[in-house]
Amino acid sequence: MRAVTAAEMRRIEEDAIAAGATVEELMLRAGRAVANAVGKALEEQIVGRRVLVLAGPGKNGGDGLIAARILRQRGALVWVVCPIPRADDALLEECAAAGCSITQGNLADLATTLAKAELIVDALLGTGRSRAIEGATLNVLDAVRGVANTAKVVAVDLPSGLDSDTGGADPATLSADMTVALGSVKIGCLTPAGAEICGQIHVAGIGLESFTPMDAGIGVLTVDEVGRLLPERRATGHKGMFGHSLIIGGSEAYRGAPALAALATARAGSGTVAIAAPDSITASLASRAPEATHIPLTSHPQTGLTGAGAVSQLMASLQTKTPDAYCIGPGLGRSVGTDSFADVLLRELPADTSVVLDADALNRLAEKPGWWESLSGPTVITPHPGEMARLCGTSVEEVQRNRFGIAEAKSKEWGVTVVLKGAYTVVASPDEPPSICPLALPALASGGTGDALAGIITGFLAQGLSTHDAARAGVYVHGAAAALAAQANGNMASGLLASNLIEKIPASMAVIGRGEGPVPPMFA
């Protein structure tokens, strides 16, 4: 599945029409898809239900009118309001013939109609909006906003006023409970700002799939795609066949982070896992992650790890068992000695070893100009927006405004796979097309879930996946595990612990492997 820009969507439609499709056929499919989505929103109880369709002057409005006619034919009571009159419109005539109540231009009775509506279809503006909302359209949206808490809102293609490319929204934009993405979801709907406005997204095929180039927009990860990425597990395998992972991190203040990362690495299938951490916390880590082996590193209460000395100590301990993948940063903390340790460690890592850099490892790198030049092996970085802003030397607001563009550009500049965390996590690699994870869950906003993600990716790297595949599979498995854990907790919005998520990693991989996807799906 692809998320596309408005310009790409226009080209896709033009190619379909050039191949023989007609505008009328595409609009009929779109209108039918919207009507079906409304039926789903009404739990298929359509007869006698009160639906208000707000139809704009363009094709988006035409899609809404076709949906209005179909819903009336299926037994709904349908009111159609056109703030800007559509003169000599056959679609309006068909709505009237089917029994829809139609109002054009005159909004005097809008309040009465709004009071009756159980569901509102927003078909006012589509991807072609290029200026601020004003006039009659603004008046209608302001009026609807007053009742939107009692009536469901279904947006056609995207909520009116939402920028299809950036996710920026006009102040008048009406938030939807469901957005029916026609043909392909628009990139702006998958930004943090856009996601807040779109609600649940229903991607409706209208016959354009074969005309969508594989390099259009940005790839949206699917369960089938991720299922093919998961590491193979032979029935006759043993732990030595599935890789050895090393988690390097921890400090007096953050004792749990490396344990969470290690447990997630093991749950993701790494054959063996080790934790290298300050000697002062090794005992507590061993009780939290008893399945791991432990490498205590000499540390000082004030200065942390002892710089180059701790690195030499670590490298000596690895002579008997070389890691297949490193994860550096969970709970590492910041101190003079620890910063020196990180600097030396990154210089001495074997050039062919895969590494995940997370948390304070990234914060330390951000202080070093040209930091990426010190990296020699296949690398995944997992910044949240604040860490990404520090790495780029910009603001969090700028990162969030252009998540896809920044992640893609920086992955090429830095030569690393970037996992830009947050709602709809972005994965970008230097020589691969970027991807977005469609699993956005409020319950993931919980301490330690980032450590779990770093651990999952490390586990997949240890089992032989490339940085790009390990990152894509990791973010999807992470989101699916969170959904399973949140569902088990009975609360999809809050109360999720990182340890809950980690327990569900094997189940999420099994579900994905069967092609069933996360429970519940984030896309309708």
Protein backbone atom coordinates (compact mmCIF):
# COMPACT_ATOMS: atom_id res chain seq x y z
CA MET A 1 0.00 0.00 0.00
CA ARG A 2 1.21 3.52 -0.80
CA ALA A 3 0.50 6.90 0.78
CA VAL A 4 0.59 9.54 -1.95
CA THR A 5 0.62 13.30 -2.48
CA ALA A 6 -2.19 15.20 -4.19
CA ALA A 7 -0.10 15.58 -7.35
CA GLU A 8 0.66 11.86 -7.45
CA MET A 9 -3.03 11.05 -6.98
CA ARG A 10 -3.92 13.28 -9.92
CA ARG A 11 -1.36 11.52 -12.11
CA ILE A 12 -2.71 8.11 -11.06
CA GLU A 13 -6.25 9.14 -11.99
CA GLU A 14 -5.06 10.60 -15.30
CA ASP A 15 -3.25 7.36 -16.15
CA ALA A 16 -6.37 5.34 -15.35
CA ILE A 17 -8.50 7.58 -17.58
CA ALA A 18 -5.93 7.39 -20.37
CA ALA A 19 -6.18 3.59 -20.12
CA GLY A 20 -9.95 3.66 -20.63
CA ALA A 21 -11.57 4.42 -17.28
CA THR A 22 -14.05 7.30 -17.21
CA VAL A 23 -14.45 10.01 -14.61
CA GLU A 24 -18.04 8.85 -14.11
CA GLU A 25 -16.92 5.28 -13.39
CA LEU A 26 -14.32 6.41 -10.87
CA MET A 27 -16.82 8.70 -9.12
CA LEU A 28 -19.41 5.91 -8.97
CA ARG A 29 -16.89 3.59 -7.34
CA ALA A 30 -15.87 6.34 -4.93
CA GLY A 31 -19.47 7.16 -4.00
CA ARG A 32 -20.25 3.50 -3.45
CA ALA A 33 -17.17 3.14 -1.25
CA VAL A 34 -18.26 6.12 0.86
CA ALA A 35 -21.78 4.69 1.21
CA ASN A 36 -20.32 1.35 2.31
CA ALA A 37 -18.13 3.09 4.87
CA VAL A 38 -21.13 4.98 6.23
CA GLY A 39 -22.92 1.67 6.55
CA LYS A 40 -19.99 0.32 8.53
CA ALA A 41 -19.99 3.41 10.77
CA LEU A 42 -23.72 2.78 11.41
CA GLU A 43 -23.05 -0.91 12.13
CA GLU A 44 -24.95 -1.80 8.95
CA GLN A 45 -28.20 -0.50 10.44
CA ILE A 46 -29.03 1.92 7.61
CA VAL A 47 -32.82 1.89 7.24
CA GLY A 48 -34.33 4.96 8.86
CA ARG A 49 -30.98 6.40 9.94
CA ARG A 50 -30.57 10.17 9.52
CA VAL A 51 -27.61 11.19 7.35
CA LEU A 52 -26.52 14.68 6.34
CA VAL A 53 -24.26 14.99 3.30
CA LEU A 54 -22.30 18.23 2.92
CA ALA A 55 -21.40 18.48 -0.77
CA GLY A 56 -18.91 20.96 -2.16
CA PRO A 57 -18.72 22.22 -5.74
CA GLY A 58 -16.03 19.83 -7.04
CA LYS A 59 -15.44 16.11 -7.54
CA ASN A 60 -15.28 15.55 -3.79
CA GLY A 61 -18.82 16.88 -3.57
CA GLY A 62 -19.81 14.67 -6.50
CA ASP A 63 -18.55 11.60 -4.63
CA GLY A 64 -20.67 12.70 -1.67
CA LEU A 65 -23.78 13.10 -3.85
CA ILE A 66 -23.44 9.61 -5.26
CA ALA A 67 -23.06 8.28 -1.71
CA ALA A 68 -26.18 10.24 -0.70
CA ARG A 69 -28.24 8.66 -3.47
CA ILE A 70 -27.06 5.15 -2.64
CA LEU A 71 -27.73 5.62 1.08
CA ARG A 72 -31.25 6.87 0.34
CA GLN A 73 -31.84 3.86 -1.90
CA ARG A 74 -30.72 1.65 0.98
CA GLY A 75 -33.31 3.19 3.27
CA ALA A 76 -31.56 6.04 5.04
CA LEU A 77 -33.16 9.46 5.49
CA VAL A 78 -30.75 11.76 3.66
CA TRP A 79 -30.38 15.54 3.64
CA VAL A 80 -27.98 17.10 1.14
CA VAL A 81 -26.60 20.59 1.79
CA CYS A 82 -24.58 22.39 -0.91
CA PRO A 83 -23.19 25.63 0.57
CA ILE A 84 -22.09 26.67 -2.92
CA PRO A 85 -24.86 25.83 -5.44
CA ARG A 86 -24.14 23.16 -8.06
CA ALA A 87 -26.07 24.38 -11.16
CA ASP A 88 -27.57 21.93 -13.66
CA ASP A 89 -26.04 18.96 -11.90
CA ALA A 90 -27.28 15.52 -12.93
CA LEU A 91 -25.98 14.06 -9.66
CA LEU A 92 -28.24 16.40 -7.70
CA GLU A 93 -31.17 15.43 -9.90
CA GLU A 94 -30.49 11.76 -9.17
CA CYS A 95 -30.41 12.51 -5.44
CA ALA A 96 -33.73 14.33 -5.66
CA ALA A 97 -35.29 11.50 -7.69
CA ALA A 98 -34.15 9.01 -5.02
CA GLY A 99 -35.90 11.07 -2.33
CA CYS A 100 -33.06 13.04 -0.76
CA SER A 101 -33.90 16.44 0.72
CA ILE A 102 -31.72 19.06 -1.00
CA THR A 103 -30.69 22.55 0.08
CA GLN A 104 -28.48 24.75 -2.07
CA GLY A 105 -26.99 28.04 -0.94
CA ASN A 106 -29.70 28.90 1.60
CA LEU A 107 -28.42 27.87 5.02
CA ALA A 108 -31.30 29.27 7.06
CA ASP A 109 -32.55 25.81 8.05
CA LEU A 110 -29.12 24.27 8.61
CA ALA A 111 -29.37 24.27 12.39
CA THR A 112 -32.63 22.30 12.24
CA THR A 113 -31.11 19.78 9.82
CA LEU A 114 -27.98 19.40 11.92
CA ALA A 115 -30.08 18.69 15.00
CA LYS A 116 -31.62 15.70 13.20
CA ALA A 117 -28.43 14.17 11.83
CA GLU A 118 -26.93 11.01 13.33
CA LEU A 119 -24.06 11.00 10.85
CA ILE A 120 -22.50 13.76 8.74
CA VAL A 121 -20.64 13.08 5.49
CA ASP A 122 -17.99 15.76 4.87
CA ALA A 123 -17.65 16.00 1.06
CA LEU A 124 -16.99 19.72 0.90
CA LEU A 125 -13.32 19.96 -0.12
CA GLY A 126 -10.86 17.41 -1.46
CA THR A 127 -7.17 17.40 -2.28
CA GLY A 128 -7.47 20.45 -4.52
CA ARG A 129 -7.92 23.03 -1.73
CA SER A 130 -5.36 25.79 -2.17
CA ARG A 131 -6.60 28.68 -0.03
CA ALA A 132 -8.11 29.44 3.35
CA ILE A 133 -11.68 28.28 3.92
CA GLU A 134 -14.13 31.18 3.83
CA GLY A 135 -17.69 32.21 2.98
CA ALA A 136 -20.54 29.72 2.98
CA THR A 137 -18.22 26.71 3.39
CA LEU A 138 -16.73 28.27 6.52
CA ASN A 139 -20.22 28.97 7.89
CA VAL A 140 -21.27 25.36 7.39
CA LEU A 141 -18.17 23.93 9.05
CA ASP A 142 -18.56 26.29 12.02
CA ALA A 143 -22.19 25.20 12.40
CA VAL A 144 -21.33 21.49 12.15
CA ARG A 145 -18.59 21.81 14.74
CA GLY A 146 -21.24 22.65 17.32
CA VAL A 147 -22.96 19.27 16.90
CA ALA A 148 -20.00 17.10 15.96
CA ASN A 149 -19.88 15.69 19.47
CA THR A 150 -23.30 14.08 18.99
CA ALA A 151 -23.12 13.06 15.31
CA LYS A 152 -20.44 10.89 13.73
CA VAL A 153 -18.43 12.51 10.95
CA VAL A 154 -17.23 10.58 7.89
CA ALA A 155 -14.82 12.50 5.64
CA VAL A 156 -14.58 11.79 1.92
CA ASP A 157 -10.91 11.30 0.97
CA LEU A 158 -9.73 13.65 3.73
CA PRO A 159 -11.35 16.10 6.17
CA SER A 160 -12.14 19.41 4.46
CA GLY A 161 -9.30 21.87 5.08
CA LEU A 162 -6.60 19.26 5.78
CA ASP A 163 -3.54 19.62 3.54
CA SER A 164 -3.18 16.29 1.79
CA ASP A 165 0.63 16.56 1.61
CA THR A 166 1.70 18.13 4.92
CA GLY A 167 -1.13 17.38 7.35
CA GLY A 168 -1.48 21.08 8.12
CA ALA A 169 -5.07 22.07 8.81
CA ASP A 170 -7.14 25.18 8.20
CA PRO A 171 -8.62 26.48 11.49
CA ALA A 172 -12.07 25.56 10.18
CA THR A 173 -11.17 21.91 9.50
CA LEU A 174 -13.70 19.47 10.93
CA SER A 175 -12.27 16.43 12.72
CA ALA A 176 -13.63 13.12 11.46
CA ASP A 177 -14.42 9.86 13.18
CA MET A 178 -13.59 8.06 9.93
CA THR A 179 -11.82 9.13 6.74
CA VAL A 180 -12.54 7.20 3.55
CA ALA A 181 -9.28 7.41 1.58
CA LEU A 182 -10.17 6.96 -2.08
CA GLY A 183 -7.66 4.90 -4.04
CA SER A 184 -4.73 5.62 -1.71
CA VAL A 185 -4.36 7.25 1.67
CA LYS A 186 -2.91 10.76 1.41
CA ILE A 187 0.42 11.41 3.09
CA GLY A 188 -0.96 14.28 5.17
CA CYS A 189 -3.36 11.91 6.90
CA LEU A 190 -0.42 9.99 8.37
CA THR A 191 1.35 12.92 9.99
CA PRO A 192 0.82 13.43 13.73
CA ALA A 193 -1.36 16.49 13.08
CA GLY A 194 -3.31 14.85 10.27
CA ALA A 195 -3.88 11.64 12.20
CA GLU A 196 -5.56 13.58 15.00
CA ILE A 197 -8.10 14.94 12.52
CA CYS A 198 -8.72 11.90 10.30
CA GLY A 199 -9.84 9.41 12.93
CA GLN A 200 -9.96 5.83 11.70
CA ILE A 201 -8.81 5.52 8.09
CA HIS A 202 -10.64 3.30 5.62
CA VAL A 203 -8.68 2.80 2.40
CA ALA A 204 -11.19 2.16 -0.39
CA GLY A 205 -10.02 0.57 -3.62
CA ILE A 206 -11.69 2.22 -6.61
CA GLY A 207 -9.77 0.50 -9.38
CA LEU A 208 -6.61 2.59 -9.31
CA GLU A 209 -4.30 0.08 -7.67
CA SER A 210 -2.62 -1.06 -10.91
CA PHE A 211 -1.92 2.56 -11.85
CA THR A 212 -0.10 3.40 -8.60
CA PRO A 213 3.70 3.30 -9.19
CA MET A 214 5.74 1.37 -6.67
CA ASP A 215 7.87 4.47 -6.09
CA ALA A 216 4.94 6.83 -5.55
CA GLY A 217 4.77 8.64 -2.23
CA ILE A 218 5.74 6.51 0.74
CA GLY A 219 5.13 2.83 1.41
CA VAL A 220 2.69 1.89 4.15
CA LEU A 221 3.71 -1.36 5.83
CA THR A 222 1.21 -4.19 5.57
CA VAL A 223 0.89 -7.41 7.51
CA ASP A 224 1.70 -9.49 4.42
CA GLU A 225 4.86 -7.51 3.73
CA VAL A 226 6.08 -7.75 7.32
CA GLY A 227 5.18 -11.43 7.51
CA ARG A 228 7.63 -12.09 4.69
CA LEU A 229 10.37 -10.21 6.55
CA LEU A 230 10.23 -12.15 9.82
CA PRO A 231 13.30 -14.35 10.43
CA GLU A 232 12.98 -18.00 9.48
CA ARG A 233 12.88 -20.43 12.42
CA ARG A 234 13.95 -23.95 11.53
CA ALA A 235 12.32 -26.74 13.49
CA THR A 236 15.76 -28.27 14.10
CA GLY A 237 17.39 -24.97 15.06
CA HIS A 238 19.31 -24.27 18.26
CA LYS A 239 20.19 -21.05 20.04
CA GLY A 240 23.51 -20.74 18.26
CA MET A 241 21.72 -20.44 14.93
CA PHE A 242 19.66 -17.38 15.88
CA GLY A 243 22.32 -14.88 16.75
CA HIS A 244 23.94 -13.32 19.81
CA SER A 245 22.91 -9.80 20.83
CA LEU A 246 24.67 -7.37 23.15
CA ILE A 247 22.83 -4.56 24.95
CA ILE A 248 25.13 -1.80 26.22
CA GLY A 249 23.56 0.71 28.56
CA GLY A 250 22.19 1.34 32.00
CA SER A 251 23.14 3.72 34.77
CA GLU A 252 22.23 4.35 38.40
CA ALA A 253 19.21 6.39 37.36
CA TYR A 254 18.06 4.11 34.52
CA ARG A 255 18.49 0.54 35.64
CA GLY A 256 15.40 -0.85 33.92
CA ALA A 257 16.12 0.31 30.37
CA PRO A 258 18.80 -2.24 29.37
CA ALA A 259 16.78 -5.04 30.96
CA LEU A 260 13.72 -4.08 28.93
CA ALA A 261 15.78 -3.92 25.74
CA ALA A 262 17.37 -7.30 26.45
CA LEU A 263 14.04 -8.99 27.18
CA ALA A 264 12.56 -7.56 23.98
CA THR A 265 15.60 -8.80 22.03
CA ALA A 266 15.12 -12.30 23.39
CA ARG A 267 11.35 -12.22 22.75
CA ALA A 268 12.10 -11.21 19.15
CA GLY A 269 14.05 -14.45 18.73
CA SER A 270 17.71 -13.70 19.38
CA GLY A 271 19.33 -16.99 20.40
CA THR A 272 21.33 -15.46 23.23
CA VAL A 273 21.50 -11.99 24.78
CA ALA A 274 24.13 -10.28 26.93
CA ILE A 275 23.98 -7.00 28.85
CA ALA A 276 27.05 -4.83 29.42
CA ALA A 277 26.33 -2.27 32.14
CA PRO A 278 28.01 -0.45 35.03
CA ASP A 279 29.14 -2.91 37.68
CA SER A 280 27.12 -1.05 40.33
CA ILE A 281 23.82 -2.14 38.74
CA THR A 282 24.69 -5.58 37.37
CA ALA A 283 23.15 -7.46 40.28
CA SER A 284 19.80 -5.68 39.92
CA LEU A 285 19.86 -6.24 36.15
CA ALA A 286 20.52 -9.95 36.61
CA SER A 287 17.36 -10.26 38.69
CA ARG A 288 15.30 -8.43 36.05
CA ALA A 289 16.73 -10.27 33.05
CA PRO A 290 17.91 -13.65 34.31
CA GLU A 291 17.98 -15.18 30.81
CA ALA A 292 20.76 -12.80 29.74
CA THR A 293 24.45 -13.10 30.52
CA HIS A 294 25.99 -10.06 32.16
CA ILE A 295 29.19 -8.11 31.62
CA PRO A 296 29.92 -5.72 34.53
CA LEU A 297 31.90 -2.65 33.48
CA THR A 298 33.98 -0.64 35.92
CA SER A 299 32.24 2.61 36.84
CA HIS A 300 32.57 5.51 39.26
CA PRO A 301 29.63 6.96 41.27
CA GLN A 302 30.26 10.49 39.98
CA THR A 303 31.76 10.06 36.52
CA GLY A 304 30.01 6.89 35.34
CA LEU A 305 31.76 4.33 33.13
CA THR A 306 35.52 4.62 33.06
CA GLY A 307 35.93 5.71 29.45
CA ALA A 308 38.53 3.86 27.40
CA GLY A 309 39.22 1.52 30.29
CA ALA A 310 35.64 0.24 30.28
CA VAL A 311 35.79 -0.20 26.51
CA SER A 312 38.96 -2.30 26.80
CA GLN A 313 37.30 -4.35 29.51
CA LEU A 314 34.25 -4.90 27.29
CA MET A 315 36.25 -5.88 24.22
CA ALA A 316 38.30 -8.37 26.21
CA SER A 317 35.11 -10.03 27.45
CA LEU A 318 33.81 -10.38 23.88
CA GLN A 319 36.76 -12.43 22.63
CA THR A 320 35.04 -15.67 23.59
CA LYS A 321 31.67 -14.78 22.02
CA THR A 322 31.35 -12.08 19.38
CA PRO A 323 27.93 -10.35 19.13
CA ASP A 324 26.04 -10.45 15.85
CA ALA A 325 24.30 -7.19 16.77
CA TYR A 326 24.86 -4.40 19.26
CA CYS A 327 22.33 -2.09 20.88
CA ILE A 328 23.94 0.95 22.48
CA GLY A 329 22.19 3.56 24.55
CA PRO A 330 19.19 2.31 26.58
CA GLY A 331 19.50 3.96 29.99
CA LEU A 332 23.15 4.86 29.34
CA GLY A 333 22.88 8.28 30.96
CA ARG A 334 25.20 11.24 30.54
CA SER A 335 28.42 11.82 32.48
CA VAL A 336 32.02 12.62 31.66
CA GLY A 337 33.18 9.01 31.83
CA THR A 338 30.15 7.58 30.09
CA ASP A 339 30.40 10.07 27.22
CA SER A 340 34.07 9.14 26.79
CA PHE A 341 33.11 5.45 26.86
CA ALA A 342 30.55 5.99 24.07
CA ASP A 343 33.04 7.92 21.94
CA VAL A 344 35.72 5.24 22.17
CA LEU A 345 33.27 2.36 21.78
CA LEU A 346 31.86 3.65 18.51
CA ARG A 347 35.38 3.98 17.10
CA GLU A 348 36.33 0.42 18.10
CA LEU A 349 33.21 -1.47 16.99
CA PRO A 350 33.97 -4.09 14.32
CA ALA A 351 33.25 -2.57 10.90
CA ASP A 352 30.96 -5.38 9.77
CA THR A 353 28.78 -5.55 12.89
CA SER A 354 25.19 -4.28 12.91
CA VAL A 355 24.36 -1.75 15.60
CA VAL A 356 21.29 0.03 16.95
CA LEU A 357 21.91 3.44 18.50
CA ASP A 358 19.24 4.69 20.89
CA ALA A 359 18.57 7.24 23.62
CA ASP A 360 21.68 8.81 25.18
CA ALA A 361 23.96 7.33 22.54
CA LEU A 362 22.11 9.60 20.10
CA ASN A 363 22.24 12.58 22.43
CA ARG A 364 26.01 12.19 22.69
CA LEU A 365 26.37 11.94 18.90
CA ALA A 366 24.32 15.11 18.43
CA GLU A 367 27.08 17.06 20.20
CA LYS A 368 29.74 15.93 17.71
CA PRO A 369 29.90 17.65 14.28
CA GLY A 370 29.97 15.12 11.45
CA TRP A 371 29.16 12.33 13.92
CA TRP A 372 28.01 9.96 11.20
CA GLU A 373 31.53 9.81 9.79
CA SER A 374 32.62 7.84 12.88
CA LEU A 375 30.17 5.00 12.11
CA SER A 376 31.62 2.11 10.15
CA GLY A 377 29.08 -0.72 10.28
CA PRO A 378 25.41 -1.16 9.30
CA THR A 379 23.59 1.18 11.67
CA VAL A 380 20.02 1.84 12.80
CA ILE A 381 19.23 4.96 14.80
CA THR A 382 15.94 5.18 16.70
CA PRO A 383 15.34 8.83 17.66
CA HIS A 384 12.13 10.30 18.98
CA PRO A 385 11.35 13.77 17.55
CA GLY A 386 13.38 15.57 20.23
CA GLU A 387 16.46 13.45 19.61
CA MET A 388 16.02 13.82 15.86
CA ALA A 389 15.84 17.59 16.23
CA ARG A 390 19.13 17.57 18.16
CA LEU A 391 20.81 15.34 15.57
CA CYS A 392 19.64 17.67 12.77
CA GLY A 393 20.29 20.92 14.61
CA THR A 394 16.68 22.03 14.18
CA SER A 395 13.45 22.24 16.18
CA VAL A 396 11.01 19.52 17.14
CA GLU A 397 8.30 21.49 15.33
CA GLU A 398 10.26 21.37 12.08
CA VAL A 399 10.86 17.63 12.44
CA GLN A 400 7.16 17.00 13.02
CA ARG A 401 6.15 19.22 10.09
CA ASN A 402 8.27 17.23 7.66
CA ARG A 403 8.79 13.79 9.18
CA PHE A 404 8.95 11.91 5.91
CA GLY A 405 11.21 14.34 4.07
CA ILE A 406 13.64 14.79 6.96
CA ALA A 407 13.92 11.07 7.71
CA GLU A 408 14.56 10.23 4.06
CA ALA A 409 17.06 13.03 3.46
CA LYS A 410 19.02 12.39 6.66
CA SER A 411 19.19 8.63 6.12
CA LYS A 412 20.97 9.33 2.82
CA GLU A 413 23.21 12.05 4.27
CA TRP A 414 24.20 10.01 7.31
CA GLY A 415 24.32 6.58 5.64
CA VAL A 416 22.15 4.96 8.33
CA THR A 417 18.66 3.55 8.67
CA VAL A 418 16.52 6.12 10.49
CA VAL A 419 13.57 5.01 12.62
CA LEU A 420 11.80 8.27 13.45
CA LYS A 421 9.51 7.30 16.30
CA GLY A 422 6.09 8.70 17.12
CA ALA A 423 2.57 8.14 15.82
CA TYR A 424 3.06 6.58 12.38
CA THR A 425 6.76 5.80 12.78
CA VAL A 426 8.87 6.43 9.66
CA VAL A 427 11.63 4.06 8.49
CA ALA A 428 14.12 5.42 5.95
CA SER A 429 17.32 3.84 4.62
CA PRO A 430 19.94 5.27 2.25
CA ASP A 431 19.28 2.93 -0.68
CA GLU A 432 15.68 1.85 -0.04
CA PRO A 433 12.30 3.59 -0.40
CA PRO A 434 10.97 4.89 2.94
CA SER A 435 8.14 3.21 4.79
CA ILE A 436 5.61 4.24 7.39
CA CYS A 437 4.11 2.03 10.06
CA PRO A 438 0.30 2.40 10.10
CA LEU A 439 -0.03 1.35 13.75
CA ALA A 440 -0.58 4.40 15.94
CA LEU A 441 -1.68 3.69 19.51
CA PRO A 442 -2.02 6.25 22.34
CA ALA A 443 -1.14 3.57 24.88
CA LEU A 444 2.39 3.45 23.47
CA ALA A 445 3.08 6.84 25.05
CA SER A 446 4.64 5.11 28.04
CA GLY A 447 8.17 4.95 29.44
CA GLY A 448 10.27 2.01 28.28
CA THR A 449 8.42 1.25 25.06
CA GLY A 450 11.28 2.83 23.09
CA ASP A 451 13.74 0.48 24.81
CA ALA A 452 11.54 -2.40 23.74
CA LEU A 453 11.59 -1.21 20.12
CA ALA A 454 15.38 -0.93 20.10
CA GLY A 455 15.56 -4.45 21.50
CA ILE A 456 13.23 -5.93 18.89
CA ILE A 457 15.22 -4.41 16.04
CA THR A 458 18.46 -5.69 17.60
CA GLY A 459 17.02 -9.19 17.85
CA PHE A 460 16.08 -9.16 14.17
CA LEU A 461 19.54 -7.87 13.20
CA ALA A 462 21.17 -10.68 15.18
CA GLN A 463 19.10 -13.17 13.20
CA GLY A 464 20.47 -11.87 9.92
CA LEU A 465 18.00 -9.25 8.70
CA SER A 466 19.36 -6.13 7.01
CA THR A 467 19.06 -2.84 8.86
CA HIS A 468 16.17 -1.79 6.59
CA ASP A 469 14.23 -5.04 7.01
CA ALA A 470 14.94 -5.31 10.74
CA ALA A 471 13.69 -1.75 11.27
CA ARG A 472 10.53 -2.25 9.20
CA ALA A 473 9.69 -5.56 10.83
CA GLY A 474 10.62 -4.18 14.25
CA VAL A 475 8.33 -1.17 14.22
CA TYR A 476 5.38 -3.24 12.97
CA VAL A 477 5.88 -6.09 15.47
CA HIS A 478 6.28 -3.46 18.19
CA GLY A 479 2.99 -1.79 17.26
CA ALA A 480 1.15 -5.08 16.93
CA ALA A 481 2.45 -6.27 20.32
CA ALA A 482 1.30 -3.01 21.87
CA ALA A 483 -2.17 -3.46 20.35
CA LEU A 484 -2.41 -7.02 21.69
CA ALA A 485 -1.23 -5.95 25.15
CA ALA A 486 -3.55 -2.93 25.27
CA GLN A 487 -6.49 -5.06 24.20
CA ALA A 488 -5.68 -7.55 26.94
CA ASN A 489 -5.57 -4.66 29.42
CA GLY A 490 -8.97 -3.48 28.20
CA ASN A 491 -7.68 0.04 27.48
CA MET A 492 -6.32 1.07 24.06
CA ALA A 493 -5.48 4.59 25.23
CA SER A 494 -3.44 4.28 28.43
CA GLY A 495 -2.07 2.01 31.11
CA LEU A 496 0.25 0.01 28.84
CA LEU A 497 3.59 -0.96 30.41
CA ALA A 498 6.63 -1.76 28.34
CA SER A 499 6.76 -5.14 30.09
CA ASN A 500 3.17 -5.82 28.89
CA LEU A 501 4.26 -5.11 25.32
CA ILE A 502 7.35 -7.30 25.58
CA GLU A 503 5.29 -10.27 26.76
CA LYS A 504 3.17 -9.99 23.59
CA ILE A 505 6.05 -9.90 21.08
CA PRO A 506 5.92 -13.66 20.33
CA ALA A 507 2.13 -13.53 19.95
CA SER A 508 2.34 -10.53 17.62
CA MET A 509 4.89 -12.33 15.44
CA ALA A 510 2.64 -15.38 15.30
CA VAL A 511 -0.39 -13.28 14.34
CA ILE A 512 1.59 -11.45 11.65
CA GLY A 513 3.05 -14.71 10.39
CA ARG A 514 -0.50 -16.00 9.85
CA GLY A 515 -1.32 -12.84 7.88
CA GLU A 516 -3.94 -11.72 10.38
CA GLY A 517 -2.46 -8.36 11.31
CA PRO A 518 -2.60 -6.55 14.64
CA VAL A 519 -5.64 -6.70 16.88
CA PRO A 520 -7.49 -4.44 16.44
CA PRO A 521 -6.39 -3.03 13.06
CA MET A 522 -5.57 0.66 13.11
CA PHE A 523 -6.95 0.96 9.59
CA ALA A 524 -10.60 0.07 9.15
